[in-house]
Protein backbone atom coordinates (compact mmCIF):
# COMPACT_ATOMS: atom_id res chain seq x y z
CA UNK A 1 -34.72 41.83 60.36
CA UNK A 2 -34.32 44.55 57.77
CA UNK A 3 -31.20 44.43 55.60
CA UNK A 4 -29.47 46.72 53.16
CA UNK A 5 -30.30 46.10 49.51
CA UNK A 6 -26.62 46.37 48.57
CA UNK A 7 -25.31 43.35 46.58
CA UNK A 8 -23.40 40.88 48.73
CA UNK A 9 -19.86 40.27 47.48
CA UNK A 10 -19.00 36.87 48.87
CA UNK A 11 -17.33 33.67 47.79
CA UNK A 12 -16.71 31.34 50.65
CA UNK A 13 -18.00 29.94 53.89
CA UNK A 14 -15.95 30.93 56.91
CA UNK A 15 -16.13 31.40 60.68
CA UNK A 16 -16.94 35.05 61.47
CA UNK A 17 -17.86 36.96 64.63
CA UNK A 18 -21.58 37.29 65.13
CA UNK A 19 -23.38 40.65 64.79
CA UNK A 20 -27.07 40.49 65.55
CA UNK A 21 -29.98 42.87 65.92
CA UNK A 22 -30.15 44.96 69.12
CA UNK A 23 -32.63 42.51 70.56
CA UNK A 24 -30.11 39.68 70.27
CA UNK A 25 -27.31 39.65 72.78
CA UNK A 26 -23.93 38.79 71.19
CA UNK A 27 -22.13 35.74 72.56
CA UNK A 28 -18.47 36.69 72.69
CA UNK A 29 -17.37 33.10 73.20
CA UNK A 30 -18.96 31.82 70.01
CA UNK A 31 -18.35 32.23 66.29
CA UNK A 32 -20.95 31.85 63.58
CA UNK A 33 -21.12 30.60 60.02
CA UNK A 34 -22.20 33.10 57.42
CA UNK A 35 -21.27 34.93 54.22
CA UNK A 36 -18.30 37.22 54.13
CA UNK A 37 -19.41 40.62 52.77
CA UNK A 38 -17.20 43.01 50.87
CA UNK A 39 -15.49 45.68 52.96
CA UNK A 40 -17.75 48.42 51.59
CA UNK A 41 -20.96 46.77 52.70
CA UNK A 42 -22.26 47.05 56.24
CA UNK A 43 -24.57 44.11 56.71
CA UNK A 44 -25.87 42.06 59.56
CA UNK A 45 -26.71 38.38 59.44
CA UNK A 46 -28.97 36.14 61.40
CA UNK A 47 -26.52 33.91 63.16
CA UNK A 48 -26.39 30.15 63.54
CA UNK A 49 -24.48 28.88 66.53
CA UNK A 50 -21.57 26.55 65.75
CA UNK A 51 -19.01 24.68 67.77
CA UNK A 52 -17.03 26.93 70.12
CA UNK A 53 -13.61 27.91 68.83
CA UNK A 54 -10.89 30.29 70.01
CA UNK A 55 -11.46 33.95 69.17
CA UNK A 56 -8.11 34.29 67.45
CA UNK A 57 -9.16 31.72 64.84
CA UNK A 58 -11.60 34.05 63.11
CA UNK A 59 -11.47 34.16 59.29
CA UNK A 60 -10.16 30.61 59.22
CA UNK A 61 -11.59 28.92 56.07
CA UNK A 62 -14.26 26.32 56.56
CA UNK A 63 -13.12 23.44 54.33
CA UNK A 64 -15.52 20.76 53.17
CA UNK A 65 -14.35 17.63 51.36
CA UNK A 66 -16.36 16.63 48.34
CA UNK A 67 -16.56 13.09 49.68
CA UNK A 68 -18.38 14.39 52.77
CA UNK A 69 -21.12 16.16 50.85
CA UNK A 70 -24.37 14.67 49.74
CA UNK A 71 -24.23 13.28 46.19
CA UNK A 72 -20.59 14.41 45.94
CA UNK A 73 -21.50 18.09 45.37
CA UNK A 74 -21.31 21.13 47.68
CA UNK A 75 -24.32 23.38 48.37
CA UNK A 76 -24.42 26.36 46.05
CA UNK A 77 -24.46 29.90 47.52
CA UNK A 78 -26.66 31.34 44.79
CA UNK A 79 -24.02 33.79 43.51
CA UNK A 80 -23.72 34.96 39.95
CA UNK A 81 -20.57 34.42 37.91
CA UNK A 82 -19.75 38.13 38.29
CA UNK A 83 -20.08 37.94 42.06
CA UNK A 84 -17.84 34.88 42.27
CA UNK A 85 -15.21 36.51 40.06
CA UNK A 86 -15.33 39.77 42.06
CA UNK A 87 -14.85 37.87 45.31
CA UNK A 88 -11.77 36.10 43.95
CA UNK A 89 -10.33 39.40 42.66
CA UNK A 90 -10.87 40.88 46.14
CA UNK A 91 -8.81 38.06 47.62
CA UNK A 92 -11.68 35.96 48.94
CA UNK A 93 -10.54 32.73 47.24
CA UNK A 94 -12.67 29.64 47.87
CA UNK A 95 -10.95 26.87 49.75
CA UNK A 96 -10.54 23.39 48.25
CA UNK A 97 -9.67 20.18 50.07
CA UNK A 98 -6.00 20.01 51.09
CA UNK A 99 -3.47 18.07 49.02
CA UNK A 100 -3.24 14.42 50.11
CA UNK A 101 -0.31 13.59 52.38
CA UNK A 102 2.69 11.84 50.92
CA UNK A 103 2.32 8.07 51.46
CA UNK A 104 4.74 6.59 53.96
CA UNK A 105 7.33 4.06 52.84
CA UNK A 106 7.46 0.70 54.63
CA UNK A 107 9.67 0.34 57.67
CA UNK A 108 13.21 -0.51 56.70
CA UNK A 109 13.19 1.44 53.44
CA UNK A 110 16.63 3.05 53.03
CA UNK A 111 16.80 6.83 52.97
CA UNK A 112 18.53 7.80 49.72
CA UNK A 113 18.72 11.05 47.76
CA UNK A 114 16.65 11.24 44.59
CA UNK A 115 18.52 10.24 41.45
CA UNK A 116 19.28 13.22 39.17
CA UNK A 117 17.11 11.91 36.31
CA UNK A 118 15.83 14.35 33.69
CA UNK A 119 13.45 11.72 32.32
CA UNK A 120 11.50 9.08 34.20
CA UNK A 121 9.44 6.99 31.73
CA UNK A 122 7.45 5.50 34.61
CA UNK A 123 5.64 8.82 34.98
CA UNK A 124 3.66 7.97 31.84
CA UNK A 125 2.75 4.55 33.20
CA UNK A 126 1.59 5.44 36.72
CA UNK A 127 -2.17 5.10 36.23
CA UNK A 128 -4.58 3.20 34.00
CA UNK A 129 -5.79 6.46 32.45
CA UNK A 130 -2.27 7.56 31.49
CA UNK A 131 -1.38 4.13 30.16
CA UNK A 132 -4.50 4.17 27.99
CA UNK A 133 -3.73 7.70 26.78
CA UNK A 134 -0.24 6.78 25.57
CA UNK A 135 -0.97 3.27 24.21
CA UNK A 136 0.66 3.07 20.80
CA UNK A 137 -1.06 -0.05 19.47
CA UNK A 138 -4.74 -0.92 19.52
CA UNK A 139 -6.54 -4.23 19.07
CA UNK A 140 -10.07 -4.44 17.69
CA UNK A 141 -12.38 -7.17 16.35
CA UNK A 142 -12.14 -5.34 13.03
CA UNK A 143 -8.49 -6.47 12.85
CA UNK A 144 -9.45 -10.16 12.86
CA UNK A 145 -10.09 -12.55 9.97
CA UNK A 146 -11.70 -15.75 11.26
CA UNK A 147 -10.45 -18.99 9.60
CA UNK A 148 -13.28 -21.51 9.38
CA UNK A 149 -13.11 -25.16 8.36
CA UNK A 150 -16.05 -26.50 6.37
CA UNK A 151 -17.18 -29.91 5.18
CA UNK A 152 -20.07 -31.52 3.36
CA UNK A 153 -21.68 -33.00 6.49
CA UNK A 154 -24.51 -31.55 8.52
CA UNK A 155 -22.89 -32.03 11.92
CA UNK A 156 -19.99 -30.05 13.35
CA UNK A 157 -17.00 -32.33 13.87
CA UNK A 158 -14.48 -31.37 16.61
CA UNK A 159 -10.81 -31.16 15.63
CA UNK A 160 -8.78 -33.05 18.21
CA UNK A 161 -5.57 -31.06 17.84
CA UNK A 162 -7.38 -27.71 17.95
CA UNK A 163 -9.65 -27.53 21.03
CA UNK A 164 -12.66 -25.35 20.38
CA UNK A 165 -12.39 -25.62 16.56
CA UNK A 166 -14.66 -27.70 14.33
CA UNK A 167 -15.23 -28.79 10.80
CA UNK A 168 -18.47 -26.93 10.36
CA UNK A 169 -21.38 -28.12 8.30
CA UNK A 170 -21.52 -25.62 5.46
CA UNK A 171 -25.32 -25.14 5.60
CA UNK A 172 -25.83 -25.12 9.35
CA UNK A 173 -22.92 -24.82 11.77
CA UNK A 174 -21.03 -22.39 9.55
CA UNK A 175 -23.94 -19.95 9.33
CA UNK A 176 -24.35 -20.00 13.12
CA UNK A 177 -20.63 -19.44 13.71
CA UNK A 178 -20.52 -16.53 11.29
CA UNK A 179 -23.53 -14.96 13.01
CA UNK A 180 -21.78 -15.26 16.41
CA UNK A 181 -18.65 -13.60 15.03
CA UNK A 182 -20.61 -10.73 13.48
CA UNK A 183 -22.36 -10.11 16.79
CA UNK A 184 -19.01 -9.11 18.34
CA UNK A 185 -17.62 -7.18 15.40
CA UNK A 186 -15.75 -9.85 13.40
CA UNK A 187 -17.02 -9.46 9.85
CA UNK A 188 -14.22 -11.12 7.88
CA UNK A 189 -13.72 -14.86 7.43
CA UNK A 190 -11.50 -17.16 5.40
CA UNK A 191 -12.72 -20.58 4.26
CA UNK A 192 -10.81 -23.86 4.27
CA UNK A 193 -12.58 -26.94 2.87
CA UNK A 194 -12.26 -30.59 3.88
CA UNK A 195 -12.79 -32.21 0.49
CA UNK A 196 -13.99 -35.83 0.15
CA UNK A 197 -11.15 -38.13 -0.90
CA UNK A 198 -13.21 -39.36 -3.87
CA UNK A 199 -13.03 -35.86 -5.39
CA UNK A 200 -9.27 -35.47 -5.05
CA UNK A 201 -6.98 -35.94 -8.05
CA UNK A 202 -3.33 -35.38 -9.03
CA UNK A 203 -4.27 -32.20 -10.92
CA UNK A 204 -6.79 -30.93 -8.32
CA UNK A 205 -9.54 -30.20 -10.83
CA UNK A 206 -12.19 -30.01 -8.08
CA UNK A 207 -10.57 -26.71 -7.01
CA UNK A 208 -12.34 -24.83 -9.81
CA UNK A 209 -15.67 -26.67 -9.81
CA UNK A 210 -18.27 -23.85 -9.72
CA UNK A 211 -20.57 -26.11 -7.75
CA UNK A 212 -17.85 -27.30 -5.39
CA UNK A 213 -17.92 -26.91 -1.62
CA UNK A 214 -16.25 -23.48 -1.46
CA UNK A 215 -18.24 -21.74 -4.25
CA UNK A 216 -21.51 -23.14 -2.83
CA UNK A 217 -20.57 -21.88 0.63
CA UNK A 218 -19.66 -18.43 -0.64
CA UNK A 219 -23.01 -18.08 -2.42
CA UNK A 220 -24.86 -19.20 0.71
CA UNK A 221 -23.04 -16.76 2.99
CA UNK A 222 -23.40 -13.83 0.59
CA UNK A 223 -27.14 -14.52 0.39
CA UNK A 224 -27.41 -14.56 4.19
CA UNK A 225 -24.84 -11.83 5.01
CA UNK A 226 -24.34 -9.58 1.94
CA UNK A 227 -21.75 -7.35 3.67
CA UNK A 228 -19.65 -10.23 5.02
CA UNK A 229 -16.03 -10.02 3.77
CA UNK A 230 -15.05 -13.46 2.46
CA UNK A 231 -11.43 -14.44 1.93
CA UNK A 232 -10.63 -17.69 0.15
CA UNK A 233 -7.60 -19.96 0.00
CA UNK A 234 -6.11 -20.48 -3.45
CA UNK A 235 -4.02 -23.67 -3.46
CA UNK A 236 -4.36 -27.25 -4.61
CA UNK A 237 -3.47 -29.15 -1.42
CA UNK A 238 -7.09 -29.69 -0.21
CA UNK A 239 -7.96 -31.04 -3.69
CA UNK A 240 -4.78 -32.93 -4.51
CA UNK A 241 -4.51 -36.65 -4.02
CA UNK A 242 -0.82 -36.02 -3.30
CA UNK A 243 -1.50 -33.43 -0.56
CA UNK A 244 0.82 -30.84 -2.13
CA UNK A 245 0.02 -27.26 -3.09
CA UNK A 246 0.79 -27.97 -6.73
CA UNK A 247 0.81 -30.64 -9.39
CA UNK A 248 3.43 -33.29 -8.65
CA UNK A 249 5.57 -34.70 -11.47
CA UNK A 250 6.44 -38.41 -11.38
CA UNK A 251 9.92 -37.64 -10.04
CA UNK A 252 8.42 -35.69 -7.11
CA UNK A 253 9.02 -32.18 -8.48
CA UNK A 254 6.22 -29.67 -7.86
CA UNK A 255 5.41 -28.14 -11.24
CA UNK A 256 5.24 -24.36 -11.10
CA UNK A 257 3.65 -22.97 -14.28
CA UNK A 258 1.21 -25.84 -14.73
CA UNK A 259 0.06 -25.37 -11.13
CA UNK A 260 -0.49 -21.64 -11.73
CA UNK A 261 -2.78 -22.48 -14.67
CA UNK A 262 -5.02 -24.41 -12.25
CA UNK A 263 -4.82 -21.70 -9.58
CA UNK A 264 -6.04 -19.04 -12.01
CA UNK A 265 -9.14 -21.11 -12.75
CA UNK A 266 -9.67 -21.67 -9.03
CA UNK A 267 -9.44 -17.95 -8.23
CA UNK A 268 -11.87 -17.02 -11.01
CA UNK A 269 -14.35 -19.66 -9.80
CA UNK A 270 -14.20 -18.24 -6.28
CA UNK A 271 -14.61 -14.67 -7.54
CA UNK A 272 -17.58 -15.73 -9.65
CA UNK A 273 -19.24 -17.11 -6.52
CA UNK A 274 -18.80 -13.78 -4.70
CA UNK A 275 -15.44 -13.91 -2.93
CA UNK A 276 -14.09 -10.51 -1.90
CA UNK A 277 -10.42 -11.48 -1.51
CA UNK A 278 -8.64 -14.46 -3.06
CA UNK A 279 -5.52 -15.61 -1.22
CA UNK A 280 -2.89 -17.68 -3.08
CA UNK A 281 -1.07 -19.67 -0.40
CA UNK A 282 0.82 -22.02 -2.72
CA UNK A 283 4.10 -20.07 -3.00
CA UNK A 284 4.52 -20.76 -6.73
CA UNK A 285 6.64 -18.19 -8.57
CA UNK A 286 4.62 -15.63 -10.57
CA UNK A 287 1.17 -16.72 -9.43
CA UNK A 288 0.04 -13.28 -8.20
CA UNK A 289 0.52 -11.63 -11.59
CA UNK A 290 -1.16 -14.53 -13.40
CA UNK A 291 -4.15 -14.53 -11.06
CA UNK A 292 -4.50 -10.74 -11.35
CA UNK A 293 -4.57 -11.01 -15.13
CA UNK A 294 -7.08 -13.87 -15.02
CA UNK A 295 -9.41 -12.00 -12.69
CA UNK A 296 -9.25 -8.80 -14.73
CA UNK A 297 -9.89 -10.68 -17.96
CA UNK A 298 -13.12 -12.10 -16.46
CA UNK A 299 -14.32 -8.73 -15.18
CA UNK A 300 -13.31 -9.19 -11.53
CA UNK A 301 -11.12 -6.09 -11.22
CA UNK A 302 -12.78 -5.37 -7.87
CA UNK A 303 -11.64 -8.65 -6.29
CA UNK A 304 -8.53 -8.23 -4.12
CA UNK A 305 -5.52 -10.51 -3.83
CA UNK A 306 -3.98 -11.25 -0.45
CA UNK A 307 -0.75 -13.00 -1.26
CA UNK A 308 0.90 -15.40 1.15
CA UNK A 309 4.12 -13.50 0.56
CA UNK A 310 6.37 -15.01 3.21
CA UNK A 311 4.98 -18.47 3.95
CA UNK A 312 7.60 -20.51 5.72
CA UNK A 313 8.06 -24.29 5.69
CA UNK A 314 7.08 -24.36 9.35
CA UNK A 315 6.44 -27.09 11.86
CA UNK A 316 3.62 -25.03 13.33
CA UNK A 317 1.11 -26.22 10.70
CA UNK A 318 0.52 -29.71 12.07
CA UNK A 319 -2.95 -29.24 13.60
CA UNK A 320 -4.20 -27.51 10.45
CA UNK A 321 -3.29 -30.47 8.29
CA UNK A 322 -5.20 -32.73 10.63
CA UNK A 323 -8.21 -30.42 10.30
CA UNK A 324 -8.25 -30.74 6.51
CA UNK A 325 -6.73 -34.20 6.23
CA UNK A 326 -4.21 -32.68 3.82
CA UNK A 327 -0.82 -34.02 4.87
CA UNK A 328 1.53 -34.54 1.90
CA UNK A 329 1.50 -38.14 0.69
CA UNK A 330 5.29 -37.99 0.50
CA UNK A 331 8.16 -35.59 1.20
CA UNK A 332 7.70 -32.05 2.46
CA UNK A 333 6.99 -28.56 1.10
CA UNK A 334 10.47 -27.10 1.35
CA UNK A 335 10.96 -26.66 -2.40
CA UNK A 336 8.24 -24.01 -2.51
CA UNK A 337 7.71 -22.73 1.04
CA UNK A 338 10.45 -20.55 2.52
CA UNK A 339 13.36 -21.62 4.72
CA UNK A 340 12.65 -20.54 8.35
CA UNK A 341 16.31 -19.44 8.58
CA UNK A 342 15.91 -16.77 5.89
CA UNK A 343 15.15 -13.10 6.46
CA UNK A 344 16.21 -11.19 3.34
CA UNK A 345 14.41 -13.64 1.08
CA UNK A 346 11.11 -12.24 2.39
CA UNK A 347 12.00 -8.93 0.71
CA UNK A 348 12.50 -10.68 -2.62
CA UNK A 349 9.05 -12.27 -2.37
CA UNK A 350 7.44 -9.00 -1.24
CA UNK A 351 8.89 -7.00 -4.12
CA UNK A 352 7.68 -9.56 -6.64
CA UNK A 353 4.18 -9.68 -5.18
CA UNK A 354 3.93 -5.89 -5.10
CA UNK A 355 5.01 -5.57 -8.72
CA UNK A 356 2.54 -8.28 -9.80
CA UNK A 357 -0.45 -6.55 -8.23
CA UNK A 358 -0.95 -7.94 -4.73
CA UNK A 359 -3.24 -5.85 -2.52
CA UNK A 360 -2.22 -7.36 0.84
CA UNK A 361 1.01 -9.12 1.90
CA UNK A 362 0.75 -11.95 4.41
CA UNK A 363 3.34 -13.51 6.72
CA UNK A 364 2.81 -17.07 7.99
CA UNK A 365 3.29 -18.19 10.78
CA UNK A 366 2.81 -15.13 12.96
CA UNK A 367 4.34 -14.93 16.42
CA UNK A 368 7.62 -16.79 15.61
CA UNK A 369 8.10 -14.43 12.64
CA UNK A 370 7.50 -10.99 14.16
CA UNK A 371 10.76 -9.75 12.63
CA UNK A 372 9.47 -10.59 9.14
CA UNK A 373 6.19 -8.79 9.80
CA UNK A 374 8.15 -5.70 10.89
CA UNK A 375 10.45 -5.99 7.88
CA UNK A 376 7.57 -5.96 5.41
CA UNK A 377 5.77 -3.23 7.37
CA UNK A 378 8.84 -0.97 7.13
CA UNK A 379 9.56 -1.72 3.47
CA UNK A 380 6.11 -1.83 1.90
CA UNK A 381 3.21 0.64 1.77
CA UNK A 382 0.71 -2.22 1.36
CA UNK A 383 -1.42 -3.59 4.21
CA UNK A 384 0.30 -6.42 6.08
CA UNK A 385 -1.49 -9.54 7.29
CA UNK A 386 -0.25 -12.09 9.81
CA UNK A 387 -1.52 -15.64 10.22
CA UNK A 388 -1.54 -16.90 13.80
CA UNK A 389 -1.42 -20.52 12.73
CA UNK A 390 -2.87 -23.70 14.22
CA UNK A 391 0.28 -24.60 16.15
CA UNK A 392 0.34 -21.23 17.89
CA UNK A 393 -3.35 -21.57 18.75
CA UNK A 394 -3.03 -25.12 20.06
CA UNK A 395 -0.02 -24.30 22.27
CA UNK A 396 -1.88 -21.48 23.99
CA UNK A 397 -4.93 -23.68 24.43
CA UNK A 398 -2.86 -26.53 25.86
CA UNK A 399 -1.05 -24.20 28.25
CA UNK A 400 -4.38 -22.88 29.45
CA UNK A 401 -5.85 -26.33 30.01
CA UNK A 402 -2.79 -27.34 32.05
CA UNK A 403 -3.06 -24.10 34.09
CA UNK A 404 0.50 -23.23 33.11
CA UNK A 405 -0.58 -19.87 31.68
CA UNK A 406 -3.60 -17.58 31.77
CA UNK A 407 -5.09 -18.47 28.41
CA UNK A 408 -7.08 -15.30 27.95
CA UNK A 409 -4.25 -12.93 28.83
CA UNK A 410 -1.71 -14.79 26.68
CA UNK A 411 -4.16 -14.91 23.79
CA UNK A 412 -4.71 -11.15 23.86
CA UNK A 413 -1.03 -10.41 24.40
CA UNK A 414 -0.03 -12.57 21.43
CA UNK A 415 -2.52 -10.78 19.19
CA UNK A 416 -1.35 -7.38 20.42
CA UNK A 417 2.25 -8.39 19.63
CA UNK A 418 1.29 -9.19 16.05
CA UNK A 419 -0.35 -5.78 15.75
CA UNK A 420 2.63 -4.05 17.33
CA UNK A 421 4.99 -5.74 14.87
CA UNK A 422 3.03 -4.16 12.03
CA UNK A 423 0.12 -6.43 11.09
CA UNK A 424 -2.99 -4.59 9.97
CA UNK A 425 -5.12 -7.74 10.01
CA UNK A 426 -4.64 -11.06 11.78
CA UNK A 427 -5.95 -14.44 10.65
CA UNK A 428 -6.57 -16.17 13.96
CA UNK A 429 -8.64 -19.06 15.30
CA UNK A 430 -9.05 -16.94 18.44
CA UNK A 431 -11.08 -14.33 16.50
CA UNK A 432 -14.43 -15.05 18.17
CA UNK A 433 -13.02 -15.64 21.65
CA UNK A 434 -10.76 -12.58 21.52
CA UNK A 435 -13.52 -10.34 20.16
CA UNK A 436 -15.80 -11.39 23.01
CA UNK A 437 -13.10 -10.47 25.49
CA UNK A 438 -12.56 -7.10 23.86
CA UNK A 439 -16.30 -6.46 23.90
CA UNK A 440 -16.49 -7.34 27.60
CA UNK A 441 -18.41 -10.55 27.18
CA UNK A 442 -17.67 -13.62 29.25
CA UNK A 443 -16.38 -16.63 27.44
């Protein structure tokens, strides 16, 4: 059938009366699907018979749901952009699926007028996409520092009070564990040594032995993983025959300045081995400034100091001391670690550490001291670290084993809470497990 060469101005599929060639007899009872031409064009179409409808329903839009089309897309009409725009301007607007009906409330729901609320916060929480868009705090494997226990043996020894944690053989198990952590984005570790009793002494001289367990381990890891960020612990308790963080006088007093002299040598030894960040955890007065001066004097200006700024005399450390066999031989650590009842004192410690050259301020423990983390975050421009200590880890593990909590969800929530409180990095024994969850791996 011959047709006019005039451009067809059309935009939608609709039911229209059939007009055929003279040889085709019109069927007045049927409508046909075709293209709607512009009013200035006199065209005829070959007609395709469709389901019978009432004559008065002509020009009713033919609506197709995307879900009913093949591959979720509607068949194109072959129109140019200009043709589509002209059709819309002429009033031939394409039809889209109708708006979904309002869901019905369950039977018995009371009929009440809407509350006159100008703000409804739930609107920003109504879908996973919106919740993700407005999430204020993020959690990433890059936020984790993985504490690892090491010993001189070749076998990995499980720690009873910390399920899933081991004293790792420094040449074998440690290297494997670090490789696992790096595979899921955890590239920062902190080392804690279990030192043989025969090497412990009242003055902790083994702490600065350049061929001791920690310096040897640092050199090994840096040779295997040059870009690994290694934090170290600077304190005498793993090396002290008294189990305290400092030298103990015969009357039981922990000596401050004499201890700092030993800590400076320990920090320099660790830096010489390749440590990236030294972390004094002893809580002696003035040790950050002294260590900074000692490092700079030896040419280690690039080595950072993460100070245990607010380390409390907490009962949450028990499993850790079992891991390192470092319980105090007598007394407690309350004369140098902070009173758990104190809040303002954390500011005193933070101001001193800042003025002495600390690069990172750490709060320990973590979850029971969220207010202290937030305090330091609000008062200091320095990065803030939180230590989710062994007691926190073991409680979550125990609750999971007893099926009292969902271990994985509580683990991730606890870490998110530490981030929300203001921690930039988190020292956590969950680092590998949490990173695997965040990366979508199964435990």
